[in-house]
């Protein structure tokens, strides 16, 4: 039999220890944004920034970092891509991905990824899905490929979706930018 004071002391230590354990687990847990798994992965990557703003851009970066096998602190670049294409769960192939301008530490301000033409993510489908509108069309020249660019913009993000010749019906590049966070008065 233990003394009443000793038992209360042990119980308090146990409770404090448990609370510290819970707090430490909560502080190190990565935040993920739920996505609709019934939707193709490329569509999830396009819709996360539109639906979630800056947090959605961060989730896109983390998803791409996971595909390339790098941690959250590693920029996506020619070095991390290592000329290795990544096939998403829905079959779409990302040729390369890049992050840039890290002013919102630890998060990136922009992300871009290039898609292979086969299988094709139709530019028309991407523009309807995102609500993007056509902002530029170029017939090309000797040095520049013909292209068409659609853009989505809200108060948190801007997304440019571009298709290039010789596959003008397929998305070639997606650039996603964080816009300045509106100031609350």
Protein backbone atom coordinates (compact mmCIF):
# COMPACT_ATOMS: atom_id res chain seq x y z
CA UNK A 1 0.00 0.00 0.00
CA UNK A 2 1.38 3.41 -0.93
CA UNK A 3 0.99 6.61 0.96
CA UNK A 4 -1.82 8.86 -0.37
CA UNK A 5 0.58 11.71 -1.17
CA UNK A 6 2.93 9.42 -3.10
CA UNK A 7 0.14 8.08 -5.30
CA UNK A 8 -1.14 11.59 -6.16
CA UNK A 9 2.42 12.63 -7.05
CA UNK A 10 2.84 9.62 -9.42
CA UNK A 11 -0.53 10.28 -11.02
CA UNK A 12 0.39 13.95 -11.61
CA UNK A 13 3.73 12.94 -13.18
CA UNK A 14 1.99 10.41 -15.39
CA UNK A 15 -0.55 13.01 -16.56
CA UNK A 16 2.14 15.62 -17.20
CA UNK A 17 4.24 13.06 -19.10
CA UNK A 18 1.26 12.06 -21.22
CA UNK A 19 0.42 15.70 -22.00
CA UNK A 20 4.04 16.41 -22.99
CA UNK A 21 4.03 13.35 -25.24
CA UNK A 22 0.78 14.45 -26.91
CA UNK A 23 2.07 18.02 -27.32
CA UNK A 24 5.35 16.86 -28.85
CA UNK A 25 3.53 14.58 -31.30
CA UNK A 26 1.16 17.37 -32.28
CA UNK A 27 3.97 19.84 -32.88
CA UNK A 28 5.93 17.52 -35.19
CA UNK A 29 2.99 16.17 -37.19
CA UNK A 30 2.93 17.36 -40.79
CA UNK A 31 -0.23 19.09 -41.94
CA UNK A 32 -1.88 17.46 -44.90
CA UNK A 33 -4.93 18.62 -46.74
CA UNK A 34 -7.52 15.96 -47.44
CA UNK A 35 -8.06 15.27 -51.10
CA UNK A 36 -10.72 13.37 -52.97
CA UNK A 37 -8.99 10.08 -53.78
CA UNK A 38 -11.64 9.27 -56.39
CA UNK A 39 -10.30 12.16 -58.48
CA UNK A 40 -7.23 11.64 -60.72
CA UNK A 41 -4.00 12.75 -59.02
CA UNK A 42 -3.17 15.39 -61.63
CA UNK A 43 -6.58 16.98 -61.05
CA UNK A 44 -5.89 17.00 -57.31
CA UNK A 45 -2.59 18.83 -57.95
CA UNK A 46 -4.43 21.43 -60.03
CA UNK A 47 -7.32 21.92 -57.60
CA UNK A 48 -5.47 22.02 -54.26
CA UNK A 49 -4.14 25.60 -54.75
CA UNK A 50 -7.53 26.81 -56.01
CA UNK A 51 -9.41 25.30 -53.08
CA UNK A 52 -6.84 25.84 -50.33
CA UNK A 53 -4.80 28.88 -51.42
CA UNK A 54 -1.26 29.01 -50.07
CA UNK A 55 -1.73 25.80 -48.06
CA UNK A 56 -2.76 24.05 -51.28
CA UNK A 57 0.39 25.24 -53.07
CA UNK A 58 2.43 23.89 -50.14
CA UNK A 59 0.63 20.55 -50.41
CA UNK A 60 1.36 20.35 -54.15
CA UNK A 61 5.06 20.94 -53.42
CA UNK A 62 5.07 18.28 -50.69
CA UNK A 63 3.32 15.78 -52.97
CA UNK A 64 5.92 16.39 -55.68
CA UNK A 65 8.77 16.19 -53.15
CA UNK A 66 7.38 12.83 -52.01
CA UNK A 67 7.30 11.57 -55.62
CA UNK A 68 10.91 12.67 -56.12
CA UNK A 69 12.00 11.18 -52.79
CA UNK A 70 13.22 14.40 -51.16
CA UNK A 71 12.35 15.99 -47.83
CA UNK A 72 10.24 19.12 -47.24
CA UNK A 73 13.30 21.37 -47.02
CA UNK A 74 14.73 20.35 -50.39
CA UNK A 75 14.01 22.48 -53.44
CA UNK A 76 12.78 20.74 -56.54
CA UNK A 77 15.36 21.42 -59.24
CA UNK A 78 17.27 19.80 -62.07
CA UNK A 79 19.44 18.23 -59.37
CA UNK A 80 16.57 16.58 -57.46
CA UNK A 81 14.73 15.62 -60.65
CA UNK A 82 17.90 13.95 -61.94
CA UNK A 83 16.32 13.77 -65.40
CA UNK A 84 13.90 11.23 -63.96
CA UNK A 85 10.26 11.35 -64.98
CA UNK A 86 7.65 10.57 -62.32
CA UNK A 87 4.44 8.73 -63.12
CA UNK A 88 1.45 9.74 -61.02
CA UNK A 89 -1.12 7.23 -59.80
CA UNK A 90 -3.42 8.23 -62.69
CA UNK A 91 -0.73 7.57 -65.33
CA UNK A 92 0.14 11.22 -66.08
CA UNK A 93 3.91 11.65 -66.36
CA UNK A 94 5.70 14.63 -64.82
CA UNK A 95 8.92 15.20 -66.74
CA UNK A 96 10.38 17.62 -64.20
CA UNK A 97 9.32 19.88 -61.33
CA UNK A 98 10.78 23.07 -59.87
CA UNK A 99 10.21 25.22 -56.80
CA UNK A 100 11.38 28.76 -56.39
CA UNK A 101 11.59 31.95 -54.34
CA UNK A 102 11.55 30.83 -50.76
CA UNK A 103 10.39 33.95 -48.93
CA UNK A 104 7.67 32.22 -46.91
CA UNK A 105 10.02 29.95 -44.95
CA UNK A 106 9.64 27.02 -44.75
CA UNK A 107 7.29 27.06 -47.74
CA UNK A 108 7.94 27.81 -51.40
CA UNK A 109 6.34 30.72 -53.27
CA UNK A 110 6.00 28.96 -56.60
CA UNK A 111 6.07 25.53 -58.16
CA UNK A 112 6.16 24.44 -61.78
CA UNK A 113 5.94 21.06 -63.43
CA UNK A 114 6.23 19.87 -67.01
CA UNK A 115 4.04 17.05 -68.28
CA UNK A 116 4.71 14.51 -71.00
CA UNK A 117 2.28 14.57 -73.93
CA UNK A 118 1.44 10.89 -73.48
CA UNK A 119 -0.77 10.26 -71.72
CA UNK A 120 -2.26 13.63 -72.53
CA UNK A 121 -3.90 15.93 -70.02
CA UNK A 122 -6.10 17.91 -72.38
CA UNK A 123 -5.65 21.68 -72.08
CA UNK A 124 -9.40 22.03 -72.54
CA UNK A 125 -10.06 19.69 -69.58
CA UNK A 126 -7.53 21.52 -67.37
CA UNK A 127 -9.02 24.94 -68.20
CA UNK A 128 -12.59 23.78 -67.48
CA UNK A 129 -11.54 22.03 -64.27
CA UNK A 130 -9.69 25.08 -62.92
CA UNK A 131 -11.85 27.82 -64.37
CA UNK A 132 -8.80 29.21 -66.20
CA UNK A 133 -9.31 31.52 -69.17
CA UNK A 134 -7.16 31.93 -72.26
CA UNK A 135 -4.71 34.81 -71.81
CA UNK A 136 -2.12 34.25 -74.53
CA UNK A 137 -1.69 32.45 -77.81
CA UNK A 138 1.46 32.46 -79.91
CA UNK A 139 1.85 31.09 -83.41
CA UNK A 140 5.54 30.54 -82.77
CA UNK A 141 8.61 31.39 -84.79
CA UNK A 142 11.96 29.89 -85.75
CA UNK A 143 13.11 30.10 -82.14
CA UNK A 144 9.87 29.91 -80.11
CA UNK A 145 7.33 27.06 -80.11
CA UNK A 146 3.71 27.85 -80.74
CA UNK A 147 1.79 27.88 -77.47
CA UNK A 148 -1.46 28.71 -75.75
CA UNK A 149 -1.70 29.75 -72.10
CA UNK A 150 -4.69 29.69 -69.80
CA UNK A 151 -4.66 31.43 -66.45
CA UNK A 152 -6.56 31.06 -63.19
CA UNK A 153 -6.24 33.81 -60.60
CA UNK A 154 -7.89 34.52 -57.26
CA UNK A 155 -6.74 36.51 -54.23
CA UNK A 156 -4.33 33.75 -53.09
CA UNK A 157 -2.87 32.05 -56.17
CA UNK A 158 -2.21 32.38 -59.87
CA UNK A 159 -1.93 29.33 -62.10
CA UNK A 160 -0.66 29.39 -65.68
CA UNK A 161 -1.41 26.29 -67.77
CA UNK A 162 0.40 26.15 -71.11
CA UNK A 163 0.30 23.81 -74.10
CA UNK A 164 3.02 23.83 -76.76
CA UNK A 165 3.42 22.66 -80.36
CA UNK A 166 3.59 19.93 -81.56
CA UNK A 167 0.96 18.88 -78.99
CA UNK A 168 -1.23 21.98 -78.66
CA UNK A 169 -4.11 19.97 -77.18
CA UNK A 170 -2.01 18.66 -74.23
CA UNK A 171 -0.84 20.53 -71.13
CA UNK A 172 2.92 21.00 -71.29
CA UNK A 173 3.65 23.18 -68.23
CA UNK A 174 1.82 24.27 -65.10
CA UNK A 175 3.14 27.21 -63.05
CA UNK A 176 1.52 27.92 -59.69
CA UNK A 177 2.36 31.14 -57.83
CA UNK A 178 1.41 32.32 -54.37
CA UNK A 179 0.12 35.86 -54.47
CA UNK A 180 0.70 38.25 -51.60
CA UNK A 181 -1.49 37.45 -48.64
CA UNK A 182 -4.17 40.12 -48.34
CA UNK A 183 -3.69 42.25 -45.23
CA UNK A 184 -6.45 42.16 -42.68
CA UNK A 185 -7.37 45.70 -41.53
